[in-house]
Protein backbone atom coordinates (compact mmCIF):
# COMPACT_ATOMS: atom_id res chain seq x y z
CA UNK A 1 -14.86 92.21 -60.83
CA UNK A 2 -11.88 91.32 -63.06
CA UNK A 3 -8.31 91.04 -62.58
CA UNK A 4 -7.40 94.50 -63.33
CA UNK A 5 -9.36 96.24 -60.60
CA UNK A 6 -9.99 94.15 -58.02
CA UNK A 7 -9.12 94.76 -54.22
CA UNK A 8 -9.03 92.84 -51.45
CA UNK A 9 -12.79 93.61 -50.62
CA UNK A 10 -14.32 91.92 -53.54
CA UNK A 11 -12.62 88.70 -52.18
CA UNK A 12 -14.52 86.10 -50.50
CA UNK A 13 -11.50 83.99 -49.38
CA UNK A 14 -7.92 84.07 -49.22
CA UNK A 15 -7.49 81.56 -52.27
CA UNK A 16 -10.19 82.49 -55.08
CA UNK A 17 -10.26 81.53 -58.75
CA UNK A 18 -10.89 84.69 -61.30
CA UNK A 19 -10.64 84.34 -65.10
CA UNK A 20 -8.38 81.12 -64.75
CA UNK A 21 -5.83 82.25 -62.32
CA UNK A 22 -6.05 82.04 -58.73
CA UNK A 23 -5.88 84.99 -56.58
CA UNK A 24 -4.47 85.17 -53.22
CA UNK A 25 -4.75 87.64 -50.36
CA UNK A 26 -4.39 88.29 -47.14
CA UNK A 27 -0.74 88.91 -45.81
CA UNK A 28 -0.80 85.11 -43.85
CA UNK A 29 -1.35 83.54 -47.40
CA UNK A 30 0.52 85.79 -49.59
CA UNK A 31 3.92 85.69 -47.79
CA UNK A 32 3.37 81.63 -47.65
CA UNK A 33 3.58 81.98 -51.11
CA UNK A 34 6.62 84.57 -51.03
CA UNK A 35 8.20 82.05 -48.64
CA UNK A 36 8.50 79.11 -50.29
CA UNK A 37 10.52 79.51 -54.00
CA UNK A 38 10.36 75.63 -54.31
CA UNK A 39 6.94 75.15 -54.32
CA UNK A 40 5.46 78.46 -55.93
CA UNK A 41 7.99 79.13 -58.76
CA UNK A 42 8.52 82.77 -59.89
CA UNK A 43 9.11 81.89 -63.59
CA UNK A 44 5.62 83.67 -65.03
CA UNK A 45 6.52 87.03 -63.24
CA UNK A 46 7.51 88.75 -66.18
CA UNK A 47 5.18 86.78 -68.71
CA UNK A 48 3.01 89.21 -70.76
CA UNK A 49 -0.69 88.94 -69.26
CA UNK A 50 -2.12 89.31 -72.73
CA UNK A 51 -0.72 86.39 -74.82
CA UNK A 52 1.46 87.62 -77.62
CA UNK A 53 -0.02 87.18 -80.99
CA UNK A 54 1.63 86.41 -84.02
CA UNK A 55 2.45 89.67 -85.74
CA UNK A 56 3.72 91.47 -82.11
CA UNK A 57 6.10 88.21 -81.61
CA UNK A 58 7.29 89.02 -85.29
CA UNK A 59 8.31 92.25 -83.98
CA UNK A 60 10.33 91.30 -81.09
CA UNK A 61 11.96 88.48 -82.99
CA UNK A 62 13.44 90.98 -85.33
CA UNK A 63 15.00 93.01 -82.78
CA UNK A 64 16.20 89.98 -81.11
CA UNK A 65 14.38 90.19 -77.83
CA UNK A 66 14.75 87.67 -75.23
CA UNK A 67 14.44 87.69 -71.49
CA UNK A 68 15.84 84.60 -69.77
CA UNK A 69 15.78 84.07 -66.11
CA UNK A 70 17.85 86.76 -64.25
CA UNK A 71 16.06 88.34 -61.26
CA UNK A 72 12.72 88.45 -60.68
CA UNK A 73 11.81 85.76 -63.11
CA UNK A 74 14.67 83.54 -61.99
CA UNK A 75 14.28 80.18 -59.78
CA UNK A 76 17.26 79.10 -60.93
CA UNK A 77 20.88 78.49 -58.90
CA UNK A 78 22.39 82.21 -61.35
CA UNK A 79 19.89 84.31 -59.55
CA UNK A 80 21.83 84.65 -56.14
CA UNK A 81 25.39 85.72 -57.85
CA UNK A 82 22.95 88.51 -60.12
CA UNK A 83 21.28 89.68 -57.35
CA UNK A 84 24.46 90.41 -55.37
CA UNK A 85 25.77 92.07 -57.93
CA UNK A 86 23.14 94.26 -58.14
CA UNK A 87 22.78 94.87 -54.64
CA UNK A 88 26.43 96.28 -54.40
CA UNK A 89 24.75 99.03 -56.36
CA UNK A 90 22.02 99.87 -53.83
CA UNK A 91 23.73 99.60 -50.20
CA UNK A 92 22.44 101.41 -47.30
CA UNK A 93 25.36 103.77 -47.34
CA UNK A 94 25.20 104.30 -51.32
CA UNK A 95 21.23 104.49 -51.25
CA UNK A 96 21.79 107.15 -47.54
CA UNK A 97 23.99 109.45 -49.76
CA UNK A 98 21.60 110.18 -52.38
CA UNK A 99 19.35 112.28 -50.10
CA UNK A 100 20.92 115.71 -50.62
CA UNK A 101 20.83 114.92 -54.93
CA UNK A 102 16.86 114.30 -54.12
CA UNK A 103 15.94 117.23 -52.54
CA UNK A 104 17.90 119.06 -55.23
CA UNK A 105 16.54 117.36 -57.88
CA UNK A 106 13.06 118.10 -56.29
CA UNK A 107 13.65 122.16 -55.63
CA UNK A 108 14.58 122.36 -59.23
CA UNK A 109 10.71 121.03 -60.27
CA UNK A 110 8.91 123.03 -57.69
CA UNK A 111 6.31 125.43 -59.32
CA UNK A 112 4.70 123.28 -61.87
CA UNK A 113 0.78 122.39 -62.53
CA UNK A 114 1.15 118.83 -62.28
CA UNK A 115 3.22 116.52 -59.46
CA UNK A 116 3.33 113.68 -61.83
CA UNK A 117 4.17 115.49 -65.03
CA UNK A 118 6.52 118.11 -64.03
CA UNK A 119 8.53 116.31 -60.65
CA UNK A 120 7.50 112.74 -60.26
CA UNK A 121 7.63 111.70 -64.09
CA UNK A 122 11.76 111.83 -64.28
CA UNK A 123 13.52 112.51 -60.85
CA UNK A 124 13.19 108.50 -60.08
CA UNK A 125 14.69 107.71 -63.41
CA UNK A 126 17.45 109.94 -62.85
CA UNK A 127 18.47 108.66 -59.50
CA UNK A 128 18.37 105.47 -60.50
CA UNK A 129 20.62 106.27 -63.21
CA UNK A 130 22.75 108.00 -60.85
CA UNK A 131 23.13 104.91 -58.54
CA UNK A 132 23.97 102.83 -61.09
CA UNK A 133 26.42 104.54 -62.92
CA UNK A 134 24.81 105.08 -66.39
CA UNK A 135 25.48 108.46 -67.65
CA UNK A 136 23.97 109.92 -71.02
CA UNK A 137 20.89 108.39 -70.65
CA UNK A 138 17.96 109.99 -72.85
CA UNK A 139 15.49 110.00 -69.97
CA UNK A 140 12.74 110.84 -72.13
CA UNK A 141 13.17 107.87 -74.73
CA UNK A 142 13.70 105.68 -71.56
CA UNK A 143 10.47 106.87 -69.88
CA UNK A 144 8.92 106.05 -73.51
CA UNK A 145 10.50 103.15 -73.22
CA UNK A 146 9.28 102.02 -69.37
CA UNK A 147 5.23 103.01 -70.14
CA UNK A 148 5.05 101.28 -73.71
CA UNK A 149 6.87 97.85 -71.68
CA UNK A 150 4.96 98.10 -68.54
CA UNK A 151 1.26 98.21 -71.17
CA UNK A 152 2.74 95.03 -73.12
CA UNK A 153 3.45 92.61 -70.23
CA UNK A 154 0.58 93.77 -67.70
CA UNK A 155 -1.89 95.69 -69.95
CA UNK A 156 -4.86 94.40 -71.30
CA UNK A 157 -4.42 94.98 -74.99
CA UNK A 158 -6.32 94.51 -77.95
CA UNK A 159 -3.95 92.64 -80.89
CA UNK A 160 -3.61 96.10 -82.45
CA UNK A 161 -2.35 98.02 -79.67
CA UNK A 162 -0.23 95.23 -78.32
CA UNK A 163 1.82 95.49 -81.98
CA UNK A 164 2.03 99.02 -81.43
CA UNK A 165 3.80 98.62 -78.24
CA UNK A 166 5.92 95.81 -79.74
CA UNK A 167 8.11 98.43 -81.25
CA UNK A 168 9.31 100.26 -78.41
CA UNK A 169 9.83 97.09 -76.65
CA UNK A 170 12.04 95.62 -78.61
CA UNK A 171 13.85 99.42 -79.42
CA UNK A 172 14.50 99.07 -75.74
CA UNK A 173 15.58 95.78 -75.72
CA UNK A 174 18.21 96.71 -78.43
CA UNK A 175 19.60 99.75 -76.46
CA UNK A 176 20.09 97.51 -73.65
CA UNK A 177 22.27 95.17 -75.65
CA UNK A 178 24.63 98.14 -77.10
CA UNK A 179 25.10 99.42 -73.64
CA UNK A 180 26.30 96.32 -72.80
CA UNK A 181 28.78 95.53 -75.83
CA UNK A 182 30.22 98.99 -75.30
CA UNK A 183 30.51 98.36 -71.40
CA UNK A 184 28.95 102.05 -71.18
CA UNK A 185 28.22 102.65 -67.57
CA UNK A 186 28.98 100.82 -64.06
CA UNK A 187 26.12 98.53 -64.15
CA UNK A 188 26.96 97.37 -67.55
CA UNK A 189 30.87 96.94 -66.68
CA UNK A 190 29.60 95.06 -63.64
CA UNK A 191 27.71 92.67 -65.42
CA UNK A 192 30.09 91.90 -68.06
CA UNK A 193 33.03 91.02 -65.44
CA UNK A 194 30.37 88.61 -63.80
CA UNK A 195 30.55 86.51 -67.24
CA UNK A 196 27.02 87.49 -68.33
CA UNK A 197 25.93 87.16 -71.71
CA UNK A 198 24.66 89.84 -73.80
CA UNK A 199 21.14 88.46 -73.81
CA UNK A 200 21.22 87.98 -70.21
CA UNK A 201 22.21 91.55 -69.32
CA UNK A 202 19.49 93.31 -71.58
CA UNK A 203 17.32 91.03 -69.90
CA UNK A 204 18.27 91.95 -66.36
CA UNK A 205 18.57 95.43 -67.02
CA UNK A 206 15.28 95.68 -68.96
CA UNK A 207 13.20 95.65 -66.08
CA UNK A 208 15.60 96.76 -63.70
CA UNK A 209 15.88 99.79 -65.10
CA UNK A 210 11.70 99.77 -65.70
CA UNK A 211 10.82 98.94 -61.79
CA UNK A 212 13.73 100.73 -60.32
CA UNK A 213 11.99 104.25 -61.10
CA UNK A 214 8.88 103.76 -62.91
CA UNK A 215 7.59 101.93 -59.13
CA UNK A 216 8.77 105.02 -57.65
CA UNK A 217 6.97 107.79 -60.24
CA UNK A 218 3.94 105.90 -58.83
CA UNK A 219 4.67 105.39 -55.28
CA UNK A 220 5.01 109.41 -55.43
CA UNK A 221 2.21 109.99 -57.52
CA UNK A 222 -0.42 107.78 -54.88
CA UNK A 223 1.57 109.64 -52.15
CA UNK A 224 0.64 112.56 -53.44
CA UNK A 225 -2.75 112.14 -53.92
CA UNK A 226 -3.45 110.47 -50.82
CA UNK A 227 -1.60 113.22 -49.17
CA UNK A 228 -2.71 116.07 -50.24
CA UNK A 229 -7.02 115.36 -49.85
CA UNK A 230 -6.00 115.46 -46.21
CA UNK A 231 -5.01 119.03 -45.20
CA UNK A 232 -4.22 118.18 -41.46
CA UNK A 233 -1.42 116.08 -42.51
CA UNK A 234 -0.27 117.74 -45.14
CA UNK A 235 0.29 120.39 -42.56
CA UNK A 236 2.39 118.00 -40.77
CA UNK A 237 4.37 116.73 -43.50
CA UNK A 238 7.19 119.00 -42.94
CA UNK A 239 7.75 117.61 -39.59
CA UNK A 240 10.37 115.08 -38.50
CA UNK A 241 8.97 111.14 -39.58
CA UNK A 242 5.67 112.33 -41.02
CA UNK A 243 6.63 111.97 -44.66
CA UNK A 244 7.87 108.09 -43.63
CA UNK A 245 5.19 107.29 -42.03
CA UNK A 246 3.09 108.30 -45.02
CA UNK A 247 4.91 106.41 -47.45
CA UNK A 248 4.36 103.23 -44.91
CA UNK A 249 0.99 104.13 -44.86
CA UNK A 250 0.21 104.14 -48.65
CA UNK A 251 2.55 101.13 -48.98
CA UNK A 252 0.47 98.89 -46.66
CA UNK A 253 -3.17 100.28 -48.05
CA UNK A 254 -2.52 101.44 -51.62
CA UNK A 255 0.85 100.27 -53.05
CA UNK A 256 1.76 101.24 -56.39
CA UNK A 257 2.44 97.41 -57.39
CA UNK A 258 -1.00 95.96 -56.25
CA UNK A 259 0.15 92.39 -57.22
CA UNK A 260 2.61 90.22 -58.14
CA UNK A 261 2.75 86.38 -59.73
CA UNK A 262 3.60 82.76 -59.35
CA UNK A 263 3.53 79.67 -60.65
CA UNK A 264 2.94 76.30 -58.79
CA UNK A 265 5.71 73.91 -59.05
CA UNK A 266 3.63 70.78 -57.76
CA UNK A 267 0.37 70.16 -56.29
CA UNK A 268 0.06 72.05 -52.84
CA UNK A 269 -2.40 72.99 -50.65
CA UNK A 270 -2.58 77.10 -49.72
CA UNK A 271 -5.04 78.30 -47.38
CA UNK A 272 -7.11 75.42 -47.05
CA UNK A 273 -7.36 75.40 -51.37
CA UNK A 274 -5.77 72.35 -53.08
CA UNK A 275 -4.16 74.13 -56.31
CA UNK A 276 -2.83 71.50 -59.04
CA UNK A 277 0.83 71.81 -60.63
CA UNK A 278 1.06 74.81 -62.97
CA UNK A 279 -1.78 76.92 -61.14
CA UNK A 280 -0.85 80.51 -61.88
CA UNK A 281 -0.92 82.77 -58.88
CA UNK A 282 -1.88 86.75 -59.03
CA UNK A 283 -0.83 87.83 -55.21
CA UNK A 284 -2.74 90.94 -54.02
CA UNK A 285 0.07 92.55 -52.06
CA UNK A 286 -2.57 95.82 -51.67
CA UNK A 287 -3.84 95.64 -48.25
CA UNK A 288 -1.80 92.55 -47.17
CA UNK A 289 -0.71 93.57 -43.80
CA UNK A 290 -0.65 91.89 -40.29
CA UNK A 291 -1.49 93.69 -36.83
CA UNK A 292 1.79 94.60 -36.75
CA UNK A 293 1.49 96.78 -39.79
CA UNK A 294 4.41 94.63 -41.68
CA UNK A 295 3.59 94.72 -45.47
CA UNK A 296 4.25 92.96 -48.28
CA UNK A 297 4.53 95.86 -50.64
CA UNK A 298 8.32 95.10 -51.45
CA UNK A 299 7.49 91.63 -51.54
CA UNK A 300 9.43 89.00 -49.20
CA UNK A 301 12.16 86.23 -49.31
CA UNK A 302 14.42 85.38 -51.74
CA UNK A 303 12.95 87.99 -54.54
CA UNK A 304 12.23 91.04 -51.62
CA UNK A 305 12.60 94.02 -53.77
CA UNK A 306 16.17 95.39 -53.93
CA UNK A 307 15.18 99.36 -54.28
CA UNK A 308 12.99 98.91 -51.64
CA UNK A 309 15.31 101.30 -49.27
CA UNK A 310 16.17 103.83 -52.40
CA UNK A 311 11.98 103.97 -52.90
CA UNK A 312 11.79 104.67 -49.28
CA UNK A 313 13.80 107.09 -48.82
CA UNK A 314 12.85 109.10 -52.54
CA UNK A 315 9.30 109.39 -51.30
CA UNK A 316 9.94 110.52 -48.21
CA UNK A 317 12.59 113.28 -49.15
CA UNK A 318 10.41 114.35 -52.24
CA UNK A 319 6.93 114.59 -49.98
CA UNK A 320 9.30 116.55 -47.30
CA UNK A 321 10.75 118.77 -49.32
CA UNK A 322 7.49 119.65 -51.49
CA UNK A 323 5.77 120.15 -48.26
CA UNK A 324 8.51 122.19 -46.62
CA UNK A 325 8.78 124.07 -49.57
CA UNK A 326 4.95 124.69 -50.48
CA UNK A 327 2.88 124.53 -47.53
CA UNK A 328 -0.02 126.16 -48.90
CA UNK A 329 -0.26 123.65 -52.17
CA UNK A 330 -3.74 122.47 -52.85
CA UNK A 331 -4.76 119.89 -55.32
CA UNK A 332 -6.69 121.47 -58.31
CA UNK A 333 -9.19 118.96 -58.64
CA UNK A 334 -11.44 117.42 -56.34
CA UNK A 335 -12.47 114.38 -58.63
CA UNK A 336 -10.79 111.17 -58.52
CA UNK A 337 -7.56 111.25 -60.94
CA UNK A 338 -6.86 109.33 -64.09
CA UNK A 339 -5.62 105.98 -63.19
CA UNK A 340 -3.20 103.87 -64.51
CA UNK A 341 -5.00 100.03 -64.61
CA UNK A 342 -2.28 97.18 -65.30
CA UNK A 343 -2.72 93.98 -63.31
CA UNK A 344 0.11 95.06 -61.25
CA UNK A 345 0.52 98.67 -61.41
CA UNK A 346 -1.90 101.00 -60.57
CA UNK A 347 -1.78 104.78 -59.89
CA UNK A 348 -2.65 108.26 -60.37
CA UNK A 349 -1.89 109.54 -63.67
CA UNK A 350 -1.91 113.27 -63.06
CA UNK A 351 -1.48 114.99 -59.56
CA UNK A 352 -2.60 118.49 -60.85
CA UNK A 353 -2.18 121.56 -58.02
CA UNK A 354 -1.89 125.23 -57.44
CA UNK A 355 -1.90 127.48 -54.90
CA UNK A 356 -4.95 128.87 -52.78
CA UNK A 357 -5.19 131.98 -55.04
CA UNK A 358 -5.53 130.01 -58.23
CA UNK A 359 -8.94 129.20 -58.07
CA UNK A 360 -11.33 126.19 -57.25
CA UNK A 361 -9.18 123.94 -55.40
CA UNK A 362 -9.51 121.64 -52.58
CA UNK A 363 -9.43 123.55 -48.91
CA UNK A 364 -8.97 126.82 -50.29
């Protein structure tokens, strides 16, 4: 058992010490941590899991890379104002208005052999850029920066791999600073009007632009793989409300964001276990739901995911649209897919598909 593959079934208690960190599992214990940001600080939420070695650090210094407290890693007074600013781009009305566009983008991407590469890979990125008013974005470049950043900050990486990843991490940060100085796009203009510095804007946008689309790509990947392995379920996906139910089932049981982190601000007692100040916590979000089906896939409380509504809408619309247009779609392999396996992110890297007449397919 290790931090990069653990599940709730692996853990003997709600609070368990593993590899120098305290793993917290179960709805009640995880919610208790998320509900108390004074005792359990978010300061380590974006800290690299693998300590940054000198060579990679030098690369980041050359790029003037910084991550000041802004949203997910901010326990200070500036958090609420920045959160309100970002939330203004993700209002329920603004999100709901994207539904036709999401369906249009889905229809344009049908017919590929891999639902990740040909559909889920770029669609959430395009949607997020439009919601935030950012035009002229090189989507392949942003996706490359995003995947490199996820691995750099949440991967179990060697020194050599970390140095390779530091290059695109720094490039992404420099691109964000340039966009901010140019006031290029609605989000950057709003941040400038709010009075943030270039470093603060780059730090905020760094993970906003990653989390706002990579986790939705991952959610779609998990949902497609799960639904296509259940033929009766796939046949019902076009019915009203079924896609939404599938999305919630995935979020409860196998969310793409499997863990998140906190650090204790003072000595605390959690689920009967005494923890010292400075204890690093890994919160297991996967499978953390109560008997009413309420889950914590989007967090809870002060740092609840601002993009939850958009992610839910995208996933449901994409699933339903594909099921309506391609009711006979089948997985091209019965075996388990290759997986993204990072501390906080887990999802299929591919979902190969075909039609019933194309060969050795599940259900054919």
